[in-house]
PDB file of N, CA and C in Angstrom:
ATOM      1  N   MET A   1     166.100  31.608 131.022  1.00  0.00           N
ATOM      2  CA  MET A   1     165.698  31.181 132.337  1.00  0.00           C
ATOM      3  C   MET A   1     166.930  31.141 133.226  1.00  0.00           C
ATOM      4  N   LYS A   2     166.798  31.677 134.409  1.00  0.00           N
ATOM      5  CA  LYS A   2     167.917  31.776 135.329  1.00  0.00           C
ATOM      6  C   LYS A   2     167.811  30.695 136.390  1.00  0.00           C
ATOM      7  N   SER A   3     168.932  30.086 136.696  1.00  0.00           N
ATOM      8  CA  SER A   3     168.979  29.089 137.767  1.00  0.00           C
ATOM      9  C   SER A   3     169.263  29.789 139.084  1.00  0.00           C
ATOM     10  N   LEU A   4     168.702  29.257 140.138  1.00  0.00           N
ATOM     11  CA  LEU A   4     168.947  29.807 141.463  1.00  0.00           C
ATOM     12  C   LEU A   4     170.003  28.978 142.169  1.00  0.00           C
ATOM     13  N   SER A   5     170.842  29.656 142.905  1.00  0.00           N
ATOM     14  CA  SER A   5     171.793  28.918 143.738  1.00  0.00           C
ATOM     15  C   SER A   5     171.071  28.456 144.999  1.00  0.00           C
ATOM     16  N   GLU A   6     171.738  27.680 145.792  1.00  0.00           N
ATOM     17  CA  GLU A   6     171.102  27.144 146.997  1.00  0.00           C
ATOM     18  C   GLU A   6     170.818  28.230 148.033  1.00  0.00           C
ATOM     19  N   SER A   7     171.557  29.307 148.016  1.00  0.00           N
ATOM     20  CA  SER A   7     171.362  30.364 149.012  1.00  0.00           C
ATOM     21  C   SER A   7     170.268  31.350 148.610  1.00  0.00           C
ATOM     22  N   GLU A   8     169.877  31.348 147.350  1.00  0.00           N
ATOM     23  CA  GLU A   8     168.838  32.280 146.893  1.00  0.00           C
ATOM     24  C   GLU A   8     167.455  31.646 147.054  1.00  0.00           C
ATOM     25  N   THR A   9     166.494  32.483 147.349  1.00  0.00           N
ATOM     26  CA  THR A   9     165.108  32.022 147.473  1.00  0.00           C
ATOM     27  C   THR A   9     164.197  32.926 146.660  1.00  0.00           C
ATOM     28  N   LEU A  10     163.023  32.427 146.394  1.00  0.00           N
ATOM     29  CA  LEU A  10     162.013  33.198 145.680  1.00  0.00           C
ATOM     30  C   LEU A  10     160.859  33.515 146.622  1.00  0.00           C
ATOM     31  N   ASN A  11     160.343  34.707 146.493  1.00  0.00           N
ATOM     32  CA  ASN A  11     159.168  35.122 147.237  1.00  0.00           C
ATOM     33  C   ASN A  11     158.011  35.180 146.236  1.00  0.00           C
ATOM     34  N   ILE A  12     156.997  34.351 146.427  1.00  0.00           N
ATOM     35  CA  ILE A  12     155.872  34.272 145.495  1.00  0.00           C
ATOM     36  C   ILE A  12     154.617  34.729 146.206  1.00  0.00           C
ATOM     37  N   LYS A  13     153.951  35.731 145.626  1.00  0.00           N
ATOM     38  CA  LYS A  13     152.703  36.265 146.181  1.00  0.00           C
ATOM     39  C   LYS A  13     151.649  36.260 145.087  1.00  0.00           C
ATOM     40  N   GLY A  14     150.416  36.060 145.476  1.00  0.00           N
ATOM     41  CA  GLY A  14     149.315  36.177 144.530  1.00  0.00           C
ATOM     42  C   GLY A  14     148.876  37.622 144.413  1.00  0.00           C
ATOM     43  N   ASN A  15     148.433  38.007 143.244  1.00  0.00           N
ATOM     44  CA  ASN A  15     147.917  39.349 143.021  1.00  0.00           C
ATOM     45  C   ASN A  15     146.573  39.462 143.716  1.00  0.00           C
ATOM     46  N   LYS A  16     146.439  40.443 144.590  1.00  0.00           N
ATOM     47  CA  LYS A  16     145.229  40.559 145.406  1.00  0.00           C
ATOM     48  C   LYS A  16     143.988  40.823 144.549  1.00  0.00           C
ATOM     49  N   PHE A  17     144.109  41.653 143.534  1.00  0.00           N
ATOM     50  CA  PHE A  17     142.938  41.963 142.713  1.00  0.00           C
ATOM     51  C   PHE A  17     142.504  40.750 141.903  1.00  0.00           C
ATOM     52  N   PHE A  18     143.451  40.110 141.213  1.00  0.00           N
ATOM     53  CA  PHE A  18     143.095  38.994 140.349  1.00  0.00           C
ATOM     54  C   PHE A  18     142.647  37.777 141.132  1.00  0.00           C
ATOM     55  N   ASN A  19     143.267  37.500 142.261  1.00  0.00           N
ATOM     56  CA  ASN A  19     142.975  36.275 142.986  1.00  0.00           C
ATOM     57  C   ASN A  19     141.816  36.397 143.961  1.00  0.00           C
ATOM     58  N   VAL A  20     141.512  37.583 144.431  1.00  0.00           N
ATOM     59  CA  VAL A  20     140.469  37.723 145.444  1.00  0.00           C
ATOM     60  C   VAL A  20     139.298  38.559 144.936  1.00  0.00           C
ATOM     61  N   LYS A  21     139.555  39.759 144.519  1.00  0.00           N
ATOM     62  CA  LYS A  21     138.475  40.689 144.206  1.00  0.00           C
ATOM     63  C   LYS A  21     137.793  40.397 142.880  1.00  0.00           C
ATOM     64  N   SER A  22     138.515  39.863 141.913  1.00  0.00           N
ATOM     65  CA  SER A  22     137.889  39.599 140.619  1.00  0.00           C
ATOM     66  C   SER A  22     136.864  38.467 140.703  1.00  0.00           C
ATOM     67  N   ILE A  23     136.997  37.589 141.669  1.00  0.00           N
ATOM     68  CA  ILE A  23     136.029  36.501 141.845  1.00  0.00           C
ATOM     69  C   ILE A  23     134.656  37.087 142.172  1.00  0.00           C
ATOM     70  N   PHE A  24     134.624  38.126 142.999  1.00  0.00           N
ATOM     71  CA  PHE A  24     133.349  38.730 143.368  1.00  0.00           C
ATOM     72  C   PHE A  24     132.711  39.458 142.191  1.00  0.00           C
ATOM     73  N   ILE A  25     133.524  40.013 141.327  1.00  0.00           N
ATOM     74  CA  ILE A  25     132.988  40.687 140.144  1.00  0.00           C
ATOM     75  C   ILE A  25     132.364  39.677 139.195  1.00  0.00           C
ATOM     76  N   VAL A  26     133.036  38.545 139.006  1.00  0.00           N
ATOM     77  CA  VAL A  26     132.513  37.504 138.124  1.00  0.00           C
ATOM     78  C   VAL A  26     131.288  36.825 138.751  1.00  0.00           C
ATOM     79  N   ALA A  27     131.173  36.881 140.078  1.00  0.00           N
ATOM     80  CA  ALA A  27     130.013  36.301 140.756  1.00  0.00           C
ATOM     81  C   ALA A  27     128.722  37.056 140.438  1.00  0.00           C
ATOM     82  N   LEU A  28     128.820  38.199 139.797  1.00  0.00           N
ATOM     83  CA  LEU A  28     127.632  38.944 139.374  1.00  0.00           C
ATOM     84  C   LEU A  28     126.942  38.294 138.170  1.00  0.00           C
ATOM     85  N   LEU A  29     127.571  37.307 137.577  1.00  0.00           N
ATOM     86  CA  LEU A  29     127.032  36.668 136.379  1.00  0.00           C
ATOM     87  C   LEU A  29     125.610  36.117 136.582  1.00  0.00           C
ATOM     88  N   PRO A  30     125.308  35.412 137.663  1.00  0.00           N
ATOM     89  CA  PRO A  30     123.919  34.963 137.850  1.00  0.00           C
ATOM     90  C   PRO A  30     122.920  36.120 137.962  1.00  0.00           C
ATOM     91  N   PHE A  31     123.374  37.231 138.508  1.00  0.00           N
ATOM     92  CA  PHE A  31     122.504  38.401 138.628  1.00  0.00           C
ATOM     93  C   PHE A  31     122.081  38.916 137.259  1.00  0.00           C
ATOM     94  N   THR A  32     122.982  38.826 136.284  1.00  0.00           N
ATOM     95  CA  THR A  32     122.629  39.279 134.941  1.00  0.00           C
ATOM     96  C   THR A  32     121.535  38.403 134.339  1.00  0.00           C
ATOM     97  N   GLY A  33     121.565  37.113 134.637  1.00  0.00           N
ATOM     98  CA  GLY A  33     120.501  36.230 134.156  1.00  0.00           C
ATOM     99  C   GLY A  33     119.151  36.593 134.740  1.00  0.00           C
ATOM    100  N   VAL A  34     119.143  36.952 136.013  1.00  0.00           N
ATOM    101  CA  VAL A  34     117.890  37.375 136.644  1.00  0.00           C
ATOM    102  C   VAL A  34     117.373  38.648 135.991  1.00  0.00           C
ATOM    103  N   LEU A  35     118.273  39.563 135.699  1.00  0.00           N
ATOM    104  CA  LEU A  35     117.843  40.804 135.055  1.00  0.00           C
ATOM    105  C   LEU A  35     117.323  40.561 133.637  1.00  0.00           C
ATOM    106  N   MET A  36     118.030  39.714 132.887  1.00  0.00           N
ATOM    107  CA  MET A  36     117.657  39.514 131.488  1.00  0.00           C
ATOM    108  C   MET A  36     116.398  38.667 131.343  1.00  0.00           C
ATOM    109  N   PHE A  37     116.317  37.579 132.103  1.00  0.00           N
ATOM    110  CA  PHE A  37     115.229  36.632 131.876  1.00  0.00           C
ATOM    111  C   PHE A  37     114.109  36.713 132.899  1.00  0.00           C
ATOM    112  N   GLY A  38     114.397  37.204 134.086  1.00  0.00           N
ATOM    113  CA  GLY A  38     113.363  37.294 135.109  1.00  0.00           C
ATOM    114  C   GLY A  38     112.573  38.584 135.010  1.00  0.00           C
ATOM    115  N   TYR A  39     113.199  39.670 135.388  1.00  0.00           N
ATOM    116  CA  TYR A  39     112.537  40.970 135.374  1.00  0.00           C
ATOM    117  C   TYR A  39     112.497  41.588 133.983  1.00  0.00           C
ATOM    118  N   GLY A  40     113.330  41.109 133.095  1.00  0.00           N
ATOM    119  CA  GLY A  40     113.398  41.671 131.752  1.00  0.00           C
ATOM    120  C   GLY A  40     112.177  41.380 130.905  1.00  0.00           C
ATOM    121  N   ARG A  41     111.397  40.408 131.302  1.00  0.00           N
ATOM    122  CA  ARG A  41     110.169  40.100 130.558  1.00  0.00           C
ATOM    123  C   ARG A  41     109.130  41.207 130.710  1.00  0.00           C
ATOM    124  N   GLU A  42     109.138  41.818 131.877  1.00  0.00           N
ATOM    125  CA  GLU A  42     108.127  42.844 132.155  1.00  0.00           C
ATOM    126  C   GLU A  42     108.590  44.239 131.750  1.00  0.00           C
ATOM    127  N   ILE A  43     109.839  44.545 132.004  1.00  0.00           N
ATOM    128  CA  ILE A  43     110.371  45.887 131.744  1.00  0.00           C
ATOM    129  C   ILE A  43     111.573  45.741 130.814  1.00  0.00           C
ATOM    130  N   SER A  44     111.470  46.319 129.636  1.00  0.00           N
ATOM    131  CA  SER A  44     112.526  46.121 128.640  1.00  0.00           C
ATOM    132  C   SER A  44     113.832  46.816 129.006  1.00  0.00           C
ATOM    133  N   ILE A  45     113.780  47.928 129.745  1.00  0.00           N
ATOM    134  CA  ILE A  45     115.016  48.629 130.117  1.00  0.00           C
ATOM    135  C   ILE A  45     115.839  47.780 131.080  1.00  0.00           C
ATOM    136  N   VAL A  46     115.184  46.994 131.926  1.00  0.00           N
ATOM    137  CA  VAL A  46     115.896  46.106 132.849  1.00  0.00           C
ATOM    138  C   VAL A  46     116.616  45.011 132.064  1.00  0.00           C
ATOM    139  N   LYS A  47     115.970  44.521 131.016  1.00  0.00           N
ATOM    140  CA  LYS A  47     116.604  43.516 130.161  1.00  0.00           C
ATOM    141  C   LYS A  47     117.831  44.117 129.477  1.00  0.00           C
ATOM    142  N   ASP A  48     117.736  45.344 129.013  1.00  0.00           N
ATOM    143  CA  ASP A  48     118.875  46.008 128.376  1.00  0.00           C
ATOM    144  C   ASP A  48     120.029  46.208 129.352  1.00  0.00           C
ATOM    145  N   ILE A  49     119.711  46.575 130.580  1.00  0.00           N
ATOM    146  CA  ILE A  49     120.740  46.736 131.612  1.00  0.00           C
ATOM    147  C   ILE A  49     121.418  45.397 131.882  1.00  0.00           C
ATOM    148  N   GLY A  50     120.638  44.328 131.949  1.00  0.00           N
ATOM    149  CA  GLY A  50     121.199  42.995 132.158  1.00  0.00           C
ATOM    150  C   GLY A  50     122.114  42.565 131.026  1.00  0.00           C
ATOM    151  N   ILE A  51     121.732  42.875 129.795  1.00  0.00           N
ATOM    152  CA  ILE A  51     122.559  42.520 128.641  1.00  0.00           C
ATOM    153  C   ILE A  51     123.868  43.302 128.655  1.00  0.00           C
ATOM    154  N   VAL A  52     123.812  44.592 128.962  1.00  0.00           N
ATOM    155  CA  VAL A  52     125.026  45.413 129.030  1.00  0.00           C
ATOM    156  C   VAL A  52     125.941  44.919 130.155  1.00  0.00           C
ATOM    157  N   LEU A  53     125.358  44.572 131.299  1.00  0.00           N
ATOM    158  CA  LEU A  53     126.150  44.058 132.412  1.00  0.00           C
ATOM    159  C   LEU A  53     126.791  42.719 132.044  1.00  0.00           C
ATOM    160  N   PHE A  54     126.050  41.857 131.351  1.00  0.00           N
ATOM    161  CA  PHE A  54     126.581  40.564 130.928  1.00  0.00           C
ATOM    162  C   PHE A  54     127.742  40.723 129.954  1.00  0.00           C
ATOM    163  N   ILE A  55     127.590  41.598 128.987  1.00  0.00           N
ATOM    164  CA  ILE A  55     128.664  41.837 128.015  1.00  0.00           C
ATOM    165  C   ILE A  55     129.887  42.445 128.703  1.00  0.00           C
ATOM    166  N   SER A  56     129.657  43.351 129.651  1.00  0.00           N
ATOM    167  CA  SER A  56     130.771  43.942 130.398  1.00  0.00           C
ATOM    168  C   SER A  56     131.522  42.886 131.196  1.00  0.00           C
ATOM    169  N   LEU A  57     130.789  41.970 131.826  1.00  0.00           N
ATOM    170  CA  LEU A  57     131.433  40.897 132.585  1.00  0.00           C
ATOM    171  C   LEU A  57     132.225  39.966 131.673  1.00  0.00           C
ATOM    172  N   LEU A  58     131.701  39.686 130.495  1.00  0.00           N
ATOM    173  CA  LEU A  58     132.436  38.849 129.551  1.00  0.00           C
ATOM    174  C   LEU A  58     133.737  39.521 129.102  1.00  0.00           C
ATOM    175  N   ILE A  59     133.672  40.803 128.800  1.00  0.00           N
ATOM    176  CA  ILE A  59     134.869  41.538 128.391  1.00  0.00           C
ATOM    177  C   ILE A  59     135.877  41.573 129.526  1.00  0.00           C
ATOM    178  N   PHE A  60     135.395  41.794 130.756  1.00  0.00           N
ATOM    179  CA  PHE A  60     136.273  41.814 131.928  1.00  0.00           C
ATOM    180  C   PHE A  60     136.957  40.462 132.125  1.00  0.00           C
ATOM    181  N   THR A  61     136.188  39.378 132.010  1.00  0.00           N
ATOM    182  CA  THR A  61     136.740  38.040 132.199  1.00  0.00           C
ATOM    183  C   THR A  61     137.754  37.694 131.112  1.00  0.00           C
ATOM    184  N   ILE A  62     137.437  38.006 129.884  1.00  0.00           N
ATOM    185  CA  ILE A  62     138.375  37.741 128.792  1.00  0.00           C
ATOM    186  C   ILE A  62     139.633  38.592 128.958  1.00  0.00           C
ATOM    187  N   GLY A  63     139.473  39.820 129.424  1.00  0.00           N
ATOM    188  CA  GLY A  63     140.626  40.684 129.665  1.00  0.00           C
ATOM    189  C   GLY A  63     141.533  40.149 130.760  1.00  0.00           C
ATOM    190  N   ILE A  64     140.947  39.628 131.823  1.00  0.00           N
ATOM    191  CA  ILE A  64     141.752  39.050 132.903  1.00  0.00           C
ATOM    192  C   ILE A  64     142.522  37.832 132.400  1.00  0.00           C
ATOM    193  N   ILE A  65     141.857  37.004 131.601  1.00  0.00           N
ATOM    194  CA  ILE A  65     142.492  35.776 131.133  1.00  0.00           C
ATOM    195  C   ILE A  65     143.573  36.068 130.093  1.00  0.00           C
ATOM    196  N   THR A  66     143.362  37.046 129.230  1.00  0.00           N
ATOM    197  CA  THR A  66     144.320  37.289 128.151  1.00  0.00           C
ATOM    198  C   THR A  66     145.335  38.377 128.494  1.00  0.00           C
ATOM    199  N   ILE A  67     144.888  39.553 128.804  1.00  0.00           N
ATOM    200  CA  ILE A  67     145.793  40.676 129.055  1.00  0.00           C
ATOM    201  C   ILE A  67     146.502  40.525 130.405  1.00  0.00           C
ATOM    202  N   GLY A  68     145.783  40.107 131.416  1.00  0.00           N
ATOM    203  CA  GLY A  68     146.375  40.013 132.750  1.00  0.00           C
ATOM    204  C   GLY A  68     146.962  38.664 133.083  1.00  0.00           C
ATOM    205  N   ARG A  69     147.208  37.831 132.097  1.00  0.00           N
ATOM    206  CA  ARG A  69     147.673  36.470 132.368  1.00  0.00           C
ATOM    207  C   ARG A  69     149.034  36.424 133.050  1.00  0.00           C
ATOM    208  N   ASN A  70     149.863  37.406 132.829  1.00  0.00           N
ATOM    209  CA  ASN A  70     151.194  37.410 133.437  1.00  0.00           C
ATOM    210  C   ASN A  70     151.222  38.136 134.778  1.00  0.00           C
ATOM    211  N   LYS A  71     150.080  38.563 135.254  1.00  0.00           N
ATOM    212  CA  LYS A  71     150.050  39.344 136.486  1.00  0.00           C
ATOM    213  C   LYS A  71     149.374  38.606 137.638  1.00  0.00           C
ATOM    214  N   TRP A  72     149.111  37.325 137.498  1.00  0.00           N
ATOM    215  CA  TRP A  72     148.447  36.568 138.563  1.00  0.00           C
ATOM    216  C   TRP A  72     149.368  36.345 139.752  1.00  0.00           C
ATOM    217  N   LEU A  73     150.647  36.124 139.483  1.00  0.00           N
ATOM    218  CA  LEU A  73     151.621  35.888 140.539  1.00  0.00           C
ATOM    219  C   LEU A  73     152.714  36.945 140.490  1.00  0.00           C
ATOM    220  N   LYS A  74     153.160  37.361 141.665  1.00  0.00           N
ATOM    221  CA  LYS A  74     154.316  38.254 141.769  1.00  0.00           C
ATOM    222  C   LYS A  74     155.465  37.414 142.301  1.00  0.00           C
ATOM    223  N   ILE A  75     156.501  37.270 141.496  1.00  0.00           N
ATOM    224  CA  ILE A  75     157.658  36.478 141.875  1.00  0.00           C
ATOM    225  C   ILE A  75     158.852  37.411 142.002  1.00  0.00           C
ATOM    226  N   GLU A  76     159.417  37.426 143.195  1.00  0.00           N
ATOM    227  CA  GLU A  76     160.559  38.289 143.482  1.00  0.00           C
ATOM    228  C   GLU A  76     161.699  37.437 144.003  1.00  0.00           C
ATOM    229  N   GLU A  77     162.906  37.787 143.601  1.00  0.00           N
ATOM    230  CA  GLU A  77     164.083  37.083 144.108  1.00  0.00           C
ATOM    231  C   GLU A  77     164.452  37.661 145.459  1.00  0.00           C
ATOM    232  N   LYS A  78     164.622  36.795 146.410  1.00  0.00           N
ATOM    233  CA  LYS A  78     164.945  37.209 147.779  1.00  0.00           C
ATOM    234  C   LYS A  78     166.332  36.680 148.103  1.00  0.00           C
ATOM    235  N   ASP A  79     167.249  37.572 148.432  1.00  0.00           N
ATOM    236  CA  ASP A  79     168.628  37.144 148.711  1.00  0.00           C
ATOM    237  C   ASP A  79     168.790  36.671 150.119  1.00  0.00           C
TER     238      ASP A  79
END
């Protein structure tokens, strides 16, 4: 770990994809419930689409939390 002198500053930015756009992707989660349990009772292919979408969202969320954990913030040294 490096110490900063008083004249050095850090520039901290949030990752635009992880902090803004990924929220909208995860917001599709309620839609999968409607597909699986609402319309899926009548048409089995809709239920299958809902299940695939749900599993994809879970994999995406786990990937963001585990693989992308070090990419949430961009920290740059500013002289």
